[in-house]
Amino acid sequence: MHRPVRVITVEREYGSHGAQFAHDLSMRLGWRLLDAELVTGAARMAGVDPKTAAKFDERVDPWYYRYGKFFWFDPVYAPATSGEERIFNAERMLELIREEILEASEQGNCVLVGRGAACALAGRPGCFHVFVYATAKAKKEWFARTFPDQAQHAEQNLMAVDKRRAAAIRKFYQQDWCSRGLYHMLLNSCMGTEAMIAAVECAAGLCPAPAEQGAR
């Protein structure tokens, strides 16, 4: 028998409302949501300020750093203030987040957002992986509403964030961020949150009993 699903990962295109979907899904299931919490957790383990850690979220270290020029003065690239004395950078950030992801998967009943969770848990029983996308039109409209002063650069900014996320996953996991083979389900968020949640619940074997459906 297959192990029941107790972990759902949600990867998302920028502007697709994937993070909001993950939040709503976790609320519906009564599970923990681990999104920004993964970043603050990594900061705590490394002994750095959460605001500093956020600068490395889903990023690749700059080329001059990767080529060994880490001795250049940069207050962001600072040693941890406690615990293991290691330089805190984007790679270290993903190492710590992977540890959190693996620990969360052992505890179960959680929804993990982005940051290579689908790669870290690939092939693990009890894990269900979702990729959320949206049409270019829908994403640009969202961006224009959210950042009206940058609306004219919507397409460039949307693409830049997705490219950055993809580069981080490629560097750390040697995987294509949007590869269909990584995910059990691809969802177009234009279908609406309720339909998305219902689709994931059924596909993951988490559909509520008829009595529970009638109570909604």
C-alpha atoms as a PDB file:
ATOM      1  CA  MET A   1       0.000   0.000   0.000  1.00  0.00           C
ATOM      2  CA  HIS A   2       1.078   3.571  -0.652  1.00  0.00           C
ATOM      3  CA  ARG A   3       1.960   5.698   2.332  1.00  0.00           C
ATOM      4  CA  PRO A   4      -0.763   8.328   2.995  1.00  0.00           C
ATOM      5  CA  VAL A   5       0.158  11.854   1.930  1.00  0.00           C
ATOM      6  CA  ARG A   6       1.255  13.940   4.913  1.00  0.00           C
ATOM      7  CA  VAL A   7       3.424  16.513   3.134  1.00  0.00           C
ATOM      8  CA  ILE A   8       2.533  18.795   0.218  1.00  0.00           C
ATOM      9  CA  THR A   9       5.089  21.001  -1.503  1.00  0.00           C
ATOM     10  CA  VAL A  10       3.979  23.994  -3.540  1.00  0.00           C
ATOM     11  CA  GLU A  11       6.349  25.488  -6.085  1.00  0.00           C
ATOM     12  CA  ARG A  12       5.079  28.606  -7.814  1.00  0.00           C
ATOM     13  CA  GLU A  13       5.677  31.082 -10.578  1.00  0.00           C
ATOM     14  CA  TYR A  14       6.003  34.646  -9.346  1.00  0.00           C
ATOM     15  CA  GLY A  15       2.627  36.361  -9.551  1.00  0.00           C
ATOM     16  CA  SER A  16       0.651  33.112  -9.789  1.00  0.00           C
ATOM     17  CA  HIS A  17      -0.816  33.397  -6.261  1.00  0.00           C
ATOM     18  CA  GLY A  18       0.878  30.103  -5.447  1.00  0.00           C
ATOM     19  CA  ALA A  19       1.890  31.233  -1.954  1.00  0.00           C
ATOM     20  CA  GLN A  20      -1.668  32.325  -1.172  1.00  0.00           C
ATOM     21  CA  PHE A  21      -2.959  29.001  -2.449  1.00  0.00           C
ATOM     22  CA  ALA A  22      -0.511  27.178  -0.164  1.00  0.00           C
ATOM     23  CA  HIS A  23      -1.743  29.243   2.777  1.00  0.00           C
ATOM     24  CA  ASP A  24      -5.391  28.487   1.991  1.00  0.00           C
ATOM     25  CA  LEU A  25      -4.626  24.798   1.444  1.00  0.00           C
ATOM     26  CA  SER A  26      -2.867  24.510   4.803  1.00  0.00           C
ATOM     27  CA  MET A  27      -5.800  26.217   6.494  1.00  0.00           C
ATOM     28  CA  ARG A  28      -8.258  23.821   4.842  1.00  0.00           C
ATOM     29  CA  LEU A  29      -6.233  20.781   5.872  1.00  0.00           C
ATOM     30  CA  GLY A  30      -5.350  22.097   9.311  1.00  0.00           C
ATOM     31  CA  TRP A  31      -1.660  21.595   8.543  1.00  0.00           C
ATOM     32  CA  ARG A  32       1.390  23.734   9.287  1.00  0.00           C
ATOM     33  CA  LEU A  33       2.461  26.184   6.600  1.00  0.00           C
ATOM     34  CA  LEU A  34       6.206  26.599   6.091  1.00  0.00           C
ATOM     35  CA  ASP A  35       6.965  29.517   3.783  1.00  0.00           C
ATOM     36  CA  ALA A  36       8.847  32.499   5.208  1.00  0.00           C
ATOM     37  CA  GLU A  37       9.197  30.338   8.322  1.00  0.00           C
ATOM     38  CA  LEU A  38      11.873  28.364   6.454  1.00  0.00           C
ATOM     39  CA  VAL A  39      13.937  31.534   6.069  1.00  0.00           C
ATOM     40  CA  THR A  40      13.626  32.591   9.702  1.00  0.00           C
ATOM     41  CA  GLY A  41      14.438  29.040  10.761  1.00  0.00           C
ATOM     42  CA  ALA A  42      17.620  29.068   8.666  1.00  0.00           C
ATOM     43  CA  ALA A  43      18.576  32.425  10.165  1.00  0.00           C
ATOM     44  CA  ARG A  44      18.093  31.072  13.671  1.00  0.00           C
ATOM     45  CA  MET A  45      20.240  27.994  12.988  1.00  0.00           C
ATOM     46  CA  ALA A  46      22.992  30.104  11.420  1.00  0.00           C
ATOM     47  CA  GLY A  47      22.875  32.774  14.098  1.00  0.00           C
ATOM     48  CA  VAL A  48      22.213  35.620  11.667  1.00  0.00           C
ATOM     49  CA  ASP A  49      19.557  38.299  11.539  1.00  0.00           C
ATOM     50  CA  PRO A  50      16.383  37.205   9.673  1.00  0.00           C
ATOM     51  CA  LYS A  51      16.583  40.324   7.495  1.00  0.00           C
ATOM     52  CA  THR A  52      20.068  39.283   6.432  1.00  0.00           C
ATOM     53  CA  ALA A  53      18.889  35.756   5.689  1.00  0.00           C
ATOM     54  CA  ALA A  54      16.015  37.102   3.570  1.00  0.00           C
ATOM     55  CA  LYS A  55      18.555  38.651   1.195  1.00  0.00           C
ATOM     56  CA  PHE A  56      19.639  35.132   0.225  1.00  0.00           C
ATOM     57  CA  ASP A  57      16.172  33.649  -0.183  1.00  0.00           C
ATOM     58  CA  GLU A  58      15.939  31.623  -3.430  1.00  0.00           C
ATOM     59  CA  ARG A  59      19.065  33.217  -4.851  1.00  0.00           C
ATOM     60  CA  VAL A  60      22.455  32.243  -6.232  1.00  0.00           C
ATOM     61  CA  ASP A  61      25.584  33.846  -4.808  1.00  0.00           C
ATOM     62  CA  PRO A  62      27.050  36.526  -7.136  1.00  0.00           C
ATOM     63  CA  TRP A  63      29.666  35.415  -9.619  1.00  0.00           C
ATOM     64  CA  TYR A  64      32.576  37.148  -7.871  1.00  0.00           C
ATOM     65  CA  TYR A  65      31.703  35.345  -4.644  1.00  0.00           C
ATOM     66  CA  ARG A  66      31.389  31.976  -6.362  1.00  0.00           C
ATOM     67  CA  TYR A  67      34.792  32.486  -7.951  1.00  0.00           C
ATOM     68  CA  GLY A  68      36.457  32.766  -4.568  1.00  0.00           C
ATOM     69  CA  LYS A  69      36.454  36.513  -3.963  1.00  0.00           C
ATOM     70  CA  PHE A  70      34.569  36.171  -0.711  1.00  0.00           C
ATOM     71  CA  PHE A  71      37.351  38.089   1.056  1.00  0.00           C
ATOM     72  CA  TRP A  72      35.986  41.287  -0.509  1.00  0.00           C
ATOM     73  CA  PHE A  73      34.338  43.339   2.184  1.00  0.00           C
ATOM     74  CA  ASP A  74      30.599  42.920   2.154  1.00  0.00           C
ATOM     75  CA  PRO A  75      28.656  43.149   5.434  1.00  0.00           C
ATOM     76  CA  VAL A  76      26.031  40.730   4.085  1.00  0.00           C
ATOM     77  CA  TYR A  77      28.595  37.944   3.656  1.00  0.00           C
ATOM     78  CA  ALA A  78      29.390  37.708   7.345  1.00  0.00           C
ATOM     79  CA  PRO A  79      30.282  34.736   9.534  1.00  0.00           C
ATOM     80  CA  ALA A  80      27.568  33.373  11.764  1.00  0.00           C
ATOM     81  CA  THR A  81      27.605  34.899  15.233  1.00  0.00           C
ATOM     82  CA  SER A  82      26.932  31.617  16.976  1.00  0.00           C
ATOM     83  CA  GLY A  83      27.263  27.906  16.401  1.00  0.00           C
ATOM     84  CA  GLU A  84      29.446  26.690  13.564  1.00  0.00           C
ATOM     85  CA  GLU A  85      31.695  29.460  12.279  1.00  0.00           C
ATOM     86  CA  ARG A  86      30.822  29.470   8.601  1.00  0.00           C
ATOM     87  CA  ILE A  87      30.215  32.194   6.084  1.00  0.00           C
ATOM     88  CA  PHE A  88      26.488  32.647   5.575  1.00  0.00           C
ATOM     89  CA  ASN A  89      25.606  32.781   1.894  1.00  0.00           C
ATOM     90  CA  ALA A  90      22.932  31.570  -0.516  1.00  0.00           C
ATOM     91  CA  GLU A  91      24.323  28.041  -0.615  1.00  0.00           C
ATOM     92  CA  ARG A  92      24.481  27.807   3.170  1.00  0.00           C
ATOM     93  CA  MET A  93      20.939  29.151   3.291  1.00  0.00           C
ATOM     94  CA  LEU A  94      19.662  26.330   1.060  1.00  0.00           C
ATOM     95  CA  GLU A  95      21.599  23.740   3.071  1.00  0.00           C
ATOM     96  CA  LEU A  96      19.878  24.856   6.262  1.00  0.00           C
ATOM     97  CA  ILE A  97      16.477  25.074   4.588  1.00  0.00           C
ATOM     98  CA  ARG A  98      16.896  21.550   3.243  1.00  0.00           C
ATOM     99  CA  GLU A  99      17.526  20.369   6.807  1.00  0.00           C
ATOM    100  CA  GLU A 100      14.292  22.074   7.870  1.00  0.00           C
ATOM    101  CA  ILE A 101      12.394  20.533   4.962  1.00  0.00           C
ATOM    102  CA  LEU A 102      13.613  17.035   5.797  1.00  0.00           C
ATOM    103  CA  GLU A 103      12.750  17.488   9.472  1.00  0.00           C
ATOM    104  CA  ALA A 104       9.287  18.836   8.609  1.00  0.00           C
ATOM    105  CA  SER A 105       8.661  15.878   6.304  1.00  0.00           C
ATOM    106  CA  GLU A 106       9.399  13.494   9.172  1.00  0.00           C
ATOM    107  CA  GLN A 107       6.875  15.277  11.377  1.00  0.00           C
ATOM    108  CA  GLY A 108       4.327  15.425   8.553  1.00  0.00           C
ATOM    109  CA  ASN A 109       1.065  17.349   8.161  1.00  0.00           C
ATOM    110  CA  CYS A 110       2.691  20.370   6.561  1.00  0.00           C
ATOM    111  CA  VAL A 111       2.618  22.446   3.379  1.00  0.00           C
ATOM    112  CA  LEU A 112       6.055  23.590   2.190  1.00  0.00           C
ATOM    113  CA  VAL A 113       6.400  26.543  -0.165  1.00  0.00           C
ATOM    114  CA  GLY A 114       9.163  26.710  -2.774  1.00  0.00           C
ATOM    115  CA  ARG A 115      12.870  26.689  -1.930  1.00  0.00           C
ATOM    116  CA  GLY A 116      13.525  23.339  -3.582  1.00  0.00           C
ATOM    117  CA  ALA A 117      11.194  21.334  -1.343  1.00  0.00           C
ATOM    118  CA  ALA A 118      10.046  19.175  -4.266  1.00  0.00           C
ATOM    119  CA  CYS A 119      13.678  18.372  -5.067  1.00  0.00           C
ATOM    120  CA  ALA A 120      14.656  17.704  -1.454  1.00  0.00           C
ATOM    121  CA  LEU A 121      11.737  15.292  -1.047  1.00  0.00           C
ATOM    122  CA  ALA A 122      11.692  13.781  -4.534  1.00  0.00           C
ATOM    123  CA  GLY A 123      10.673  10.123  -4.442  1.00  0.00           C
ATOM    124  CA  ARG A 124       9.847  10.158  -0.735  1.00  0.00           C
ATOM    125  CA  PRO A 125       6.673   8.278   0.199  1.00  0.00           C
ATOM    126  CA  GLY A 126       3.897  10.413   1.633  1.00  0.00           C
ATOM    127  CA  CYS A 127       4.893  13.558  -0.256  1.00  0.00           C
ATOM    128  CA  PHE A 128       2.809  15.224  -2.954  1.00  0.00           C
ATOM    129  CA  HIS A 129       4.361  17.908  -5.163  1.00  0.00           C
ATOM    130  CA  VAL A 130       2.425  20.735  -6.838  1.00  0.00           C
ATOM    131  CA  PHE A 131       3.552  23.431  -9.292  1.00  0.00           C
ATOM    132  CA  VAL A 132       1.342  26.522  -9.586  1.00  0.00           C
ATOM    133  CA  TYR A 133       1.473  28.701 -12.687  1.00  0.00           C
ATOM    134  CA  ALA A 134      -0.697  31.356 -14.318  1.00  0.00           C
ATOM    135  CA  THR A 135      -1.144  33.025 -17.680  1.00  0.00           C
ATOM    136  CA  ALA A 136       1.192  35.891 -18.547  1.00  0.00           C
ATOM    137  CA  LYS A 137      -1.806  38.226 -18.635  1.00  0.00           C
ATOM    138  CA  ALA A 138      -2.947  37.263 -15.134  1.00  0.00           C
ATOM    139  CA  LYS A 139       0.543  37.664 -13.705  1.00  0.00           C
ATOM    140  CA  LYS A 140       1.068  41.067 -15.311  1.00  0.00           C
ATOM    141  CA  GLU A 141      -2.291  42.284 -14.037  1.00  0.00           C
ATOM    142  CA  TRP A 142      -1.392  41.156 -10.522  1.00  0.00           C
ATOM    143  CA  PHE A 143       1.981  42.879 -10.716  1.00  0.00           C
ATOM    144  CA  ALA A 144       0.448  46.132 -11.949  1.00  0.00           C
ATOM    145  CA  ARG A 145      -2.034  46.134  -9.059  1.00  0.00           C
ATOM    146  CA  THR A 146       0.624  45.281  -6.495  1.00  0.00           C
ATOM    147  CA  PHE A 147       3.395  47.540  -7.789  1.00  0.00           C
ATOM    148  CA  PRO A 148       1.645  50.307  -9.773  1.00  0.00           C
ATOM    149  CA  ASP A 149       4.789  52.441  -9.951  1.00  0.00           C
ATOM    150  CA  GLN A 150       6.618  49.568 -11.728  1.00  0.00           C
ATOM    151  CA  ALA A 151       3.749  48.414 -13.934  1.00  0.00           C
ATOM    152  CA  GLN A 152       5.618  49.266 -17.143  1.00  0.00           C
ATOM    153  CA  HIS A 153       8.321  46.781 -16.160  1.00  0.00           C
ATOM    154  CA  ALA A 154       5.965  43.993 -15.103  1.00  0.00           C
ATOM    155  CA  GLU A 155       7.113  41.382 -17.606  1.00  0.00           C
ATOM    156  CA  GLN A 156      10.819  41.957 -16.912  1.00  0.00           C
ATOM    157  CA  ASN A 157      10.357  41.778 -13.144  1.00  0.00           C
ATOM    158  CA  LEU A 158       8.188  38.669 -13.282  1.00  0.00           C
ATOM    159  CA  MET A 159      10.709  36.872 -15.460  1.00  0.00           C
ATOM    160  CA  ALA A 160      13.638  37.993 -13.291  1.00  0.00           C
ATOM    161  CA  VAL A 161      12.220  36.442 -10.120  1.00  0.00           C
ATOM    162  CA  ASP A 162      11.424  33.136 -11.828  1.00  0.00           C
ATOM    163  CA  LYS A 163      14.876  33.015 -13.418  1.00  0.00           C
ATOM    164  CA  ARG A 164      16.453  33.667 -10.027  1.00  0.00           C
ATOM    165  CA  ARG A 165      14.469  30.852  -8.418  1.00  0.00           C
ATOM    166  CA  ALA A 166      15.299  28.485 -11.254  1.00  0.00           C
ATOM    167  CA  ALA A 167      19.009  29.326 -11.031  1.00  0.00           C
ATOM    168  CA  ALA A 168      19.093  28.606  -7.298  1.00  0.00           C
ATOM    169  CA  ILE A 169      17.484  25.186  -7.750  1.00  0.00           C
ATOM    170  CA  ARG A 170      19.731  24.341 -10.697  1.00  0.00           C
ATOM    171  CA  LYS A 171      22.852  25.287  -8.743  1.00  0.00           C
ATOM    172  CA  PHE A 172      21.959  23.492  -5.511  1.00  0.00           C
ATOM    173  CA  TYR A 173      19.928  20.491  -6.690  1.00  0.00           C
ATOM    174  CA  GLN A 174      21.052  20.189 -10.346  1.00  0.00           C
ATOM    175  CA  GLN A 175      17.367  20.112 -11.283  1.00  0.00           C
ATOM    176  CA  ASP A 176      15.191  22.093 -13.655  1.00  0.00           C
ATOM    177  CA  TRP A 177      12.903  24.147 -11.390  1.00  0.00           C
ATOM    178  CA  CYS A 178       9.848  23.802 -13.613  1.00  0.00           C
ATOM    179  CA  SER A 179      10.465  20.261 -14.855  1.00  0.00           C
ATOM    180  CA  ARG A 180       7.146  18.421 -15.061  1.00  0.00           C
ATOM    181  CA  GLY A 181       8.810  15.252 -13.826  1.00  0.00           C
ATOM    182  CA  LEU A 182       9.311  16.766 -10.363  1.00  0.00           C
ATOM    183  CA  TYR A 183       5.622  17.327  -9.704  1.00  0.00           C
ATOM    184  CA  HIS A 184       2.518  15.216  -9.299  1.00  0.00           C
ATOM    185  CA  MET A 185       0.234  18.053 -10.364  1.00  0.00           C
ATOM    186  CA  LEU A 186       0.510  21.314 -12.317  1.00  0.00           C
ATOM    187  CA  LEU A 187      -2.224  23.845 -11.574  1.00  0.00           C
ATOM    188  CA  ASN A 188      -3.224  27.001 -13.422  1.00  0.00           C
ATOM    189  CA  SER A 189      -4.278  29.387 -10.641  1.00  0.00           C
ATOM    190  CA  CYS A 190      -6.759  31.037 -13.000  1.00  0.00           C
ATOM    191  CA  MET A 191      -9.101  28.145 -12.133  1.00  0.00           C
ATOM    192  CA  GLY A 192      -9.595  29.636  -8.668  1.00  0.00           C
ATOM    193  CA  THR A 193      -8.465  28.658  -5.199  1.00  0.00           C
ATOM    194  CA  GLU A 194     -11.442  26.456  -4.332  1.00  0.00           C
ATOM    195  CA  ALA A 195     -11.048  24.383  -7.476  1.00  0.00           C
ATOM    196  CA  MET A 196      -7.300  24.105  -6.877  1.00  0.00           C
ATOM    197  CA  ILE A 197      -7.756  22.915  -3.307  1.00  0.00           C
ATOM    198  CA  ALA A 198     -10.411  20.394  -4.333  1.00  0.00           C
ATOM    199  CA  ALA A 199      -8.152  19.055  -7.100  1.00  0.00           C
ATOM    200  CA  VAL A 200      -5.183  18.613  -4.758  1.00  0.00           C
ATOM    201  CA  GLU A 201      -7.274  17.039  -2.005  1.00  0.00           C
ATOM    202  CA  CYS A 202      -8.663  14.433  -4.388  1.00  0.00           C
ATOM    203  CA  ALA A 203      -5.411  13.755  -6.235  1.00  0.00           C
ATOM    204  CA  ALA A 204      -3.493  13.381  -2.974  1.00  0.00           C
ATOM    205  CA  GLY A 205      -6.147  11.137  -1.449  1.00  0.00           C
ATOM    206  CA  LEU A 206      -7.176  13.753   1.089  1.00  0.00           C
ATOM    207  CA  CYS A 207     -10.768  14.278  -0.021  1.00  0.00           C
ATOM    208  CA  PRO A 208     -13.041  14.843   2.956  1.00  0.00           C
ATOM    209  CA  ALA A 209     -15.766  12.290   3.693  1.00  0.00           C
ATOM    210  CA  PRO A 210     -19.235  13.052   2.222  1.00  0.00           C
ATOM    211  CA  ALA A 211     -20.497  14.149   5.648  1.00  0.00           C
ATOM    212  CA  GLU A 212     -17.635  16.658   5.930  1.00  0.00           C
ATOM    213  CA  GLN A 213     -18.309  18.000   2.440  1.00  0.00           C
ATOM    214  CA  GLY A 214     -21.915  18.643   3.327  1.00  0.00           C
ATOM    215  CA  ALA A 215     -20.844  20.527   6.434  1.00  0.00           C
ATOM    216  CA  ARG A 216     -18.809  23.049   4.461  1.00  0.00           C
END
